[in-house]
Amino acid sequence: MSLSTTAYSAGGERVSHEGSLSFVFTDIEGYSKLSERYRGAFYPLLEQHNALLRPLIPHHRGREVKAIGDAFFLVFEHALDAVRFALSAQHALSAEHWEVHMEGGLPCRLT
């Protein structure tokens, strides 16, 4: 059985596909609470996170369907590409130096 779908990329490009698709949803654990508590101080972390993940998406033949706040909705034509993306993303995120400075100069390091 073949599934025919039409989706739109983050840039508004129409994407048609027949067959199975794999979806990936990402989220920064605790980001909403931390960003509410520390307001704009955590925005640079979001930018850093997005800068790490975005190049990995096309590298693993994926497409960004939508990004909202700290979450990505991604689609891949092959499950193996989705898994490879997820592993690469986890590796990139864990290898990154995460630091943000709070008001008053108090540094906060996330590991």
N, C-alpha and C. Protein backbone atom coordinates (compact mmCIF):
# COMPACT_ATOMS: atom_id res chain seq x y z
N MET A 1 0.84 -1.17 0.00
CA MET A 1 0.00 0.00 0.00
C MET A 1 0.89 1.23 0.00
N SER A 2 0.59 2.17 -0.84
CA SER A 2 1.37 3.39 -0.96
C SER A 2 0.60 4.57 -0.38
N LEU A 3 1.30 5.37 0.36
CA LEU A 3 0.71 6.55 0.97
C LEU A 3 1.18 7.77 0.20
N SER A 4 0.27 8.58 -0.24
CA SER A 4 0.62 9.79 -0.96
C SER A 4 0.39 10.98 -0.04
N THR A 5 1.41 11.80 0.14
CA THR A 5 1.29 12.95 1.03
C THR A 5 1.78 14.21 0.35
N THR A 6 1.26 15.31 0.78
CA THR A 6 1.76 16.61 0.36
C THR A 6 2.00 17.41 1.63
N ALA A 7 3.21 17.93 1.75
CA ALA A 7 3.57 18.72 2.91
C ALA A 7 4.26 19.99 2.43
N TYR A 8 4.51 20.88 3.36
CA TYR A 8 5.20 22.12 3.05
C TYR A 8 6.41 22.26 3.96
N SER A 9 7.53 22.63 3.39
CA SER A 9 8.74 22.84 4.19
C SER A 9 8.63 24.15 4.94
N ALA A 10 9.60 24.39 5.84
CA ALA A 10 9.61 25.62 6.62
C ALA A 10 9.67 26.85 5.71
N GLY A 11 10.26 26.70 4.54
CA GLY A 11 10.35 27.80 3.59
C GLY A 11 9.14 27.95 2.70
N GLY A 12 8.11 27.12 2.91
CA GLY A 12 6.89 27.20 2.13
C GLY A 12 6.91 26.37 0.86
N GLU A 13 7.99 25.62 0.63
CA GLU A 13 8.12 24.79 -0.56
C GLU A 13 7.20 23.57 -0.45
N ARG A 14 6.45 23.30 -1.50
CA ARG A 14 5.54 22.15 -1.51
C ARG A 14 6.35 20.88 -1.75
N VAL A 15 6.12 19.89 -0.93
CA VAL A 15 6.86 18.64 -1.00
C VAL A 15 5.85 17.50 -1.12
N SER A 16 5.92 16.73 -2.21
CA SER A 16 5.05 15.57 -2.38
C SER A 16 5.88 14.31 -2.21
N HIS A 17 5.24 13.27 -1.71
CA HIS A 17 5.97 12.02 -1.47
C HIS A 17 5.00 10.85 -1.50
N GLU A 18 5.44 9.74 -2.06
CA GLU A 18 4.66 8.51 -2.02
C GLU A 18 5.47 7.49 -1.27
N GLY A 19 4.84 6.80 -0.32
CA GLY A 19 5.52 5.80 0.49
C GLY A 19 5.47 6.19 1.95
N SER A 20 6.27 5.52 2.75
CA SER A 20 6.28 5.80 4.19
C SER A 20 7.20 6.97 4.51
N LEU A 21 6.89 7.64 5.59
CA LEU A 21 7.70 8.75 6.07
C LEU A 21 8.01 8.53 7.55
N SER A 22 9.11 9.09 7.99
CA SER A 22 9.46 9.05 9.42
C SER A 22 9.48 10.47 9.94
N PHE A 23 8.81 10.68 11.07
CA PHE A 23 8.73 12.00 11.67
C PHE A 23 9.61 12.06 12.90
N VAL A 24 10.25 13.20 13.10
CA VAL A 24 11.07 13.45 14.28
C VAL A 24 10.59 14.75 14.90
N PHE A 25 10.36 14.71 16.20
CA PHE A 25 10.00 15.90 16.97
C PHE A 25 11.09 16.10 18.01
N THR A 26 11.62 17.31 18.10
CA THR A 26 12.64 17.61 19.09
C THR A 26 12.10 18.63 20.09
N ASP A 27 12.69 18.64 21.27
CA ASP A 27 12.28 19.57 22.32
C ASP A 27 13.42 19.67 23.32
N ILE A 28 13.68 20.86 23.80
CA ILE A 28 14.69 21.05 24.84
C ILE A 28 13.99 20.86 26.18
N GLU A 29 14.40 19.83 26.90
CA GLU A 29 13.76 19.52 28.18
C GLU A 29 13.92 20.68 29.16
N GLY A 30 12.81 21.16 29.68
CA GLY A 30 12.83 22.22 30.69
C GLY A 30 13.04 23.62 30.15
N TYR A 31 13.15 23.78 28.83
CA TYR A 31 13.45 25.10 28.26
C TYR A 31 12.36 26.12 28.59
N SER A 32 11.10 25.74 28.48
CA SER A 32 10.01 26.71 28.71
C SER A 32 10.06 27.28 30.12
N LYS A 33 10.23 26.42 31.11
CA LYS A 33 10.30 26.89 32.49
C LYS A 33 11.52 27.76 32.73
N LEU A 34 12.66 27.34 32.20
CA LEU A 34 13.88 28.12 32.38
C LEU A 34 13.79 29.47 31.67
N SER A 35 13.24 29.47 30.45
CA SER A 35 13.15 30.74 29.73
C SER A 35 12.16 31.68 30.39
N GLU A 36 11.09 31.14 30.99
CA GLU A 36 10.16 31.99 31.73
C GLU A 36 10.83 32.56 32.98
N ARG A 37 11.57 31.72 33.66
CA ARG A 37 12.21 32.15 34.91
C ARG A 37 13.31 33.18 34.67
N TYR A 38 14.13 32.95 33.64
CA TYR A 38 15.26 33.83 33.39
C TYR A 38 15.06 34.75 32.19
N ARG A 39 13.85 34.77 31.68
CA ARG A 39 13.45 35.63 30.56
C ARG A 39 14.36 35.47 29.37
N GLY A 40 14.89 36.54 28.84
CA GLY A 40 15.68 36.50 27.61
C GLY A 40 17.07 35.92 27.73
N ALA A 41 17.51 35.63 28.95
CA ALA A 41 18.87 35.13 29.14
C ALA A 41 19.10 33.78 28.46
N PHE A 42 18.04 33.00 28.27
CA PHE A 42 18.19 31.68 27.67
C PHE A 42 17.99 31.70 26.16
N TYR A 43 17.63 32.83 25.58
CA TYR A 43 17.45 32.90 24.14
C TYR A 43 18.73 32.55 23.37
N PRO A 44 19.90 32.98 23.82
CA PRO A 44 21.12 32.58 23.11
C PRO A 44 21.31 31.05 23.06
N LEU A 45 20.83 30.34 24.08
CA LEU A 45 20.91 28.87 24.05
C LEU A 45 20.03 28.31 22.93
N LEU A 46 18.87 28.89 22.74
CA LEU A 46 17.98 28.45 21.68
C LEU A 46 18.64 28.66 20.32
N GLU A 47 19.25 29.81 20.14
CA GLU A 47 19.94 30.09 18.88
C GLU A 47 21.10 29.11 18.66
N GLN A 48 21.83 28.81 19.71
CA GLN A 48 22.94 27.87 19.65
C GLN A 48 22.43 26.47 19.30
N HIS A 49 21.36 26.06 19.95
CA HIS A 49 20.71 24.77 19.69
C HIS A 49 20.28 24.66 18.23
N ASN A 50 19.58 25.68 17.74
CA ASN A 50 19.10 25.67 16.36
C ASN A 50 20.24 25.67 15.35
N ALA A 51 21.30 26.41 15.65
CA ALA A 51 22.47 26.45 14.76
C ALA A 51 23.16 25.10 14.68
N LEU A 52 23.09 24.33 15.75
CA LEU A 52 23.68 22.98 15.74
C LEU A 52 22.81 22.00 14.95
N LEU A 53 21.50 22.06 15.14
CA LEU A 53 20.62 21.07 14.53
C LEU A 53 20.31 21.32 13.06
N ARG A 54 20.12 22.57 12.69
CA ARG A 54 19.67 22.85 11.32
C ARG A 54 20.56 22.27 10.23
N PRO A 55 21.88 22.35 10.32
CA PRO A 55 22.71 21.76 9.26
C PRO A 55 22.63 20.23 9.21
N LEU A 56 22.29 19.61 10.33
CA LEU A 56 22.19 18.15 10.38
C LEU A 56 20.96 17.62 9.65
N ILE A 57 19.93 18.43 9.55
CA ILE A 57 18.67 18.00 8.93
C ILE A 57 18.88 17.63 7.46
N PRO A 58 19.35 18.56 6.61
CA PRO A 58 19.57 18.18 5.21
C PRO A 58 20.72 17.19 5.03
N HIS A 59 21.69 17.22 5.94
CA HIS A 59 22.81 16.28 5.87
C HIS A 59 22.30 14.84 5.93
N HIS A 60 21.20 14.63 6.68
CA HIS A 60 20.61 13.29 6.80
C HIS A 60 19.34 13.16 5.95
N ARG A 61 19.25 14.00 4.93
CA ARG A 61 18.17 13.97 3.94
C ARG A 61 16.79 14.20 4.55
N GLY A 62 16.75 15.07 5.56
CA GLY A 62 15.48 15.41 6.18
C GLY A 62 15.02 16.79 5.77
N ARG A 63 13.80 17.11 6.14
CA ARG A 63 13.23 18.43 5.87
C ARG A 63 12.62 18.97 7.16
N GLU A 64 12.83 20.25 7.37
CA GLU A 64 12.21 20.93 8.50
C GLU A 64 10.80 21.33 8.09
N VAL A 65 9.81 20.77 8.76
CA VAL A 65 8.43 21.10 8.47
C VAL A 65 8.03 22.36 9.23
N LYS A 66 8.40 22.39 10.52
CA LYS A 66 8.03 23.53 11.34
C LYS A 66 8.94 23.61 12.55
N ALA A 67 9.22 24.81 12.98
CA ALA A 67 9.94 25.06 14.23
C ALA A 67 9.12 26.03 15.05
N ILE A 68 8.85 25.64 16.29
CA ILE A 68 8.09 26.51 17.20
C ILE A 68 8.86 26.57 18.51
N GLY A 69 9.31 27.77 18.87
CA GLY A 69 10.08 27.91 20.10
C GLY A 69 11.30 27.02 20.09
N ASP A 70 11.35 26.08 21.02
CA ASP A 70 12.51 25.19 21.13
C ASP A 70 12.28 23.84 20.47
N ALA A 71 11.19 23.70 19.71
CA ALA A 71 10.84 22.41 19.12
C ALA A 71 10.94 22.43 17.60
N PHE A 72 11.39 21.31 17.06
CA PHE A 72 11.42 21.09 15.62
C PHE A 72 10.47 19.95 15.26
N PHE A 73 9.81 20.08 14.13
CA PHE A 73 9.05 18.99 13.51
C PHE A 73 9.75 18.71 12.19
N LEU A 74 10.29 17.49 12.06
CA LEU A 74 11.09 17.11 10.90
C LEU A 74 10.49 15.89 10.23
N VAL A 75 10.75 15.74 8.94
CA VAL A 75 10.28 14.56 8.21
C VAL A 75 11.44 13.99 7.40
N PHE A 76 11.50 12.67 7.37
CA PHE A 76 12.52 11.93 6.64
C PHE A 76 11.84 10.87 5.79
N GLU A 77 12.35 10.63 4.59
CA GLU A 77 11.78 9.60 3.72
C GLU A 77 12.14 8.20 4.20
N HIS A 78 13.23 8.07 4.91
CA HIS A 78 13.69 6.76 5.37
C HIS A 78 13.93 6.79 6.88
N ALA A 79 13.47 5.76 7.56
CA ALA A 79 13.62 5.68 9.02
C ALA A 79 15.08 5.72 9.43
N LEU A 80 15.95 5.07 8.67
CA LEU A 80 17.37 5.06 9.01
C LEU A 80 17.96 6.47 9.01
N ASP A 81 17.54 7.31 8.08
CA ASP A 81 18.00 8.70 8.06
C ASP A 81 17.53 9.44 9.30
N ALA A 82 16.30 9.18 9.74
CA ALA A 82 15.77 9.82 10.95
C ALA A 82 16.57 9.41 12.17
N VAL A 83 16.89 8.12 12.25
CA VAL A 83 17.68 7.62 13.38
C VAL A 83 19.09 8.21 13.35
N ARG A 84 19.69 8.26 12.17
CA ARG A 84 21.03 8.84 12.05
C ARG A 84 21.03 10.31 12.42
N PHE A 85 19.98 11.03 12.02
CA PHE A 85 19.86 12.43 12.43
C PHE A 85 19.80 12.53 13.95
N ALA A 86 18.94 11.73 14.57
CA ALA A 86 18.76 11.79 16.03
C ALA A 86 20.07 11.50 16.75
N LEU A 87 20.81 10.50 16.29
CA LEU A 87 22.10 10.19 16.91
C LEU A 87 23.11 11.32 16.72
N SER A 88 23.15 11.88 15.52
CA SER A 88 24.06 13.01 15.26
C SER A 88 23.69 14.22 16.10
N ALA A 89 22.39 14.47 16.24
CA ALA A 89 21.93 15.61 17.03
C ALA A 89 22.32 15.42 18.49
N GLN A 90 22.09 14.23 19.03
CA GLN A 90 22.46 13.97 20.43
C GLN A 90 23.96 14.13 20.63
N HIS A 91 24.75 13.65 19.69
CA HIS A 91 26.21 13.78 19.80
C HIS A 91 26.62 15.25 19.75
N ALA A 92 26.07 16.00 18.80
CA ALA A 92 26.42 17.42 18.67
C ALA A 92 26.01 18.21 19.90
N LEU A 93 24.83 17.93 20.42
CA LEU A 93 24.35 18.66 21.60
C LEU A 93 25.17 18.32 22.84
N SER A 94 25.55 17.06 22.99
CA SER A 94 26.33 16.69 24.18
C SER A 94 27.77 17.16 24.10
N ALA A 95 28.29 17.36 22.90
CA ALA A 95 29.67 17.81 22.74
C ALA A 95 29.81 19.34 22.83
N GLU A 96 28.70 20.04 22.75
CA GLU A 96 28.72 21.51 22.72
C GLU A 96 28.96 22.09 24.11
N HIS A 97 29.63 23.23 24.15
CA HIS A 97 29.83 23.97 25.40
C HIS A 97 28.62 24.88 25.58
N TRP A 98 27.85 24.66 26.65
CA TRP A 98 26.62 25.43 26.91
C TRP A 98 26.85 26.35 28.09
N GLU A 99 26.80 27.62 27.84
CA GLU A 99 26.96 28.58 28.92
C GLU A 99 26.13 29.82 28.62
N VAL A 100 25.48 30.31 29.64
CA VAL A 100 24.72 31.55 29.52
C VAL A 100 25.00 32.36 30.78
N HIS A 101 25.05 33.66 30.62
CA HIS A 101 25.30 34.53 31.76
C HIS A 101 23.99 35.16 32.22
N MET A 102 23.71 34.99 33.51
CA MET A 102 22.50 35.54 34.09
C MET A 102 22.72 37.01 34.44
N GLU A 103 21.63 37.70 34.72
CA GLU A 103 21.74 39.08 35.20
C GLU A 103 22.65 39.11 36.41
N GLY A 104 23.51 40.08 36.48
CA GLY A 104 24.44 40.18 37.60
C GLY A 104 25.71 39.39 37.35
N GLY A 105 25.83 38.75 36.17
CA GLY A 105 27.06 38.07 35.81
C GLY A 105 27.19 36.65 36.33
N LEU A 106 26.15 36.07 36.91
CA LEU A 106 26.21 34.70 37.40
C LEU A 106 26.20 33.74 36.23
N PRO A 107 27.28 32.99 36.00
CA PRO A 107 27.29 32.06 34.86
C PRO A 107 26.53 30.78 35.21
N CYS A 108 25.88 30.22 34.23
CA CYS A 108 25.17 28.96 34.39
C CYS A 108 25.63 28.03 33.27
N ARG A 109 26.19 26.90 33.64
CA ARG A 109 26.65 25.94 32.63
C ARG A 109 25.71 24.76 32.61
N LEU A 110 25.25 24.35 31.44
CA LEU A 110 24.38 23.19 31.29
C LEU A 110 25.20 22.06 30.73
N THR A 111 25.14 20.90 31.38
CA THR A 111 25.91 19.74 30.89
C THR A 111 25.01 18.57 30.61
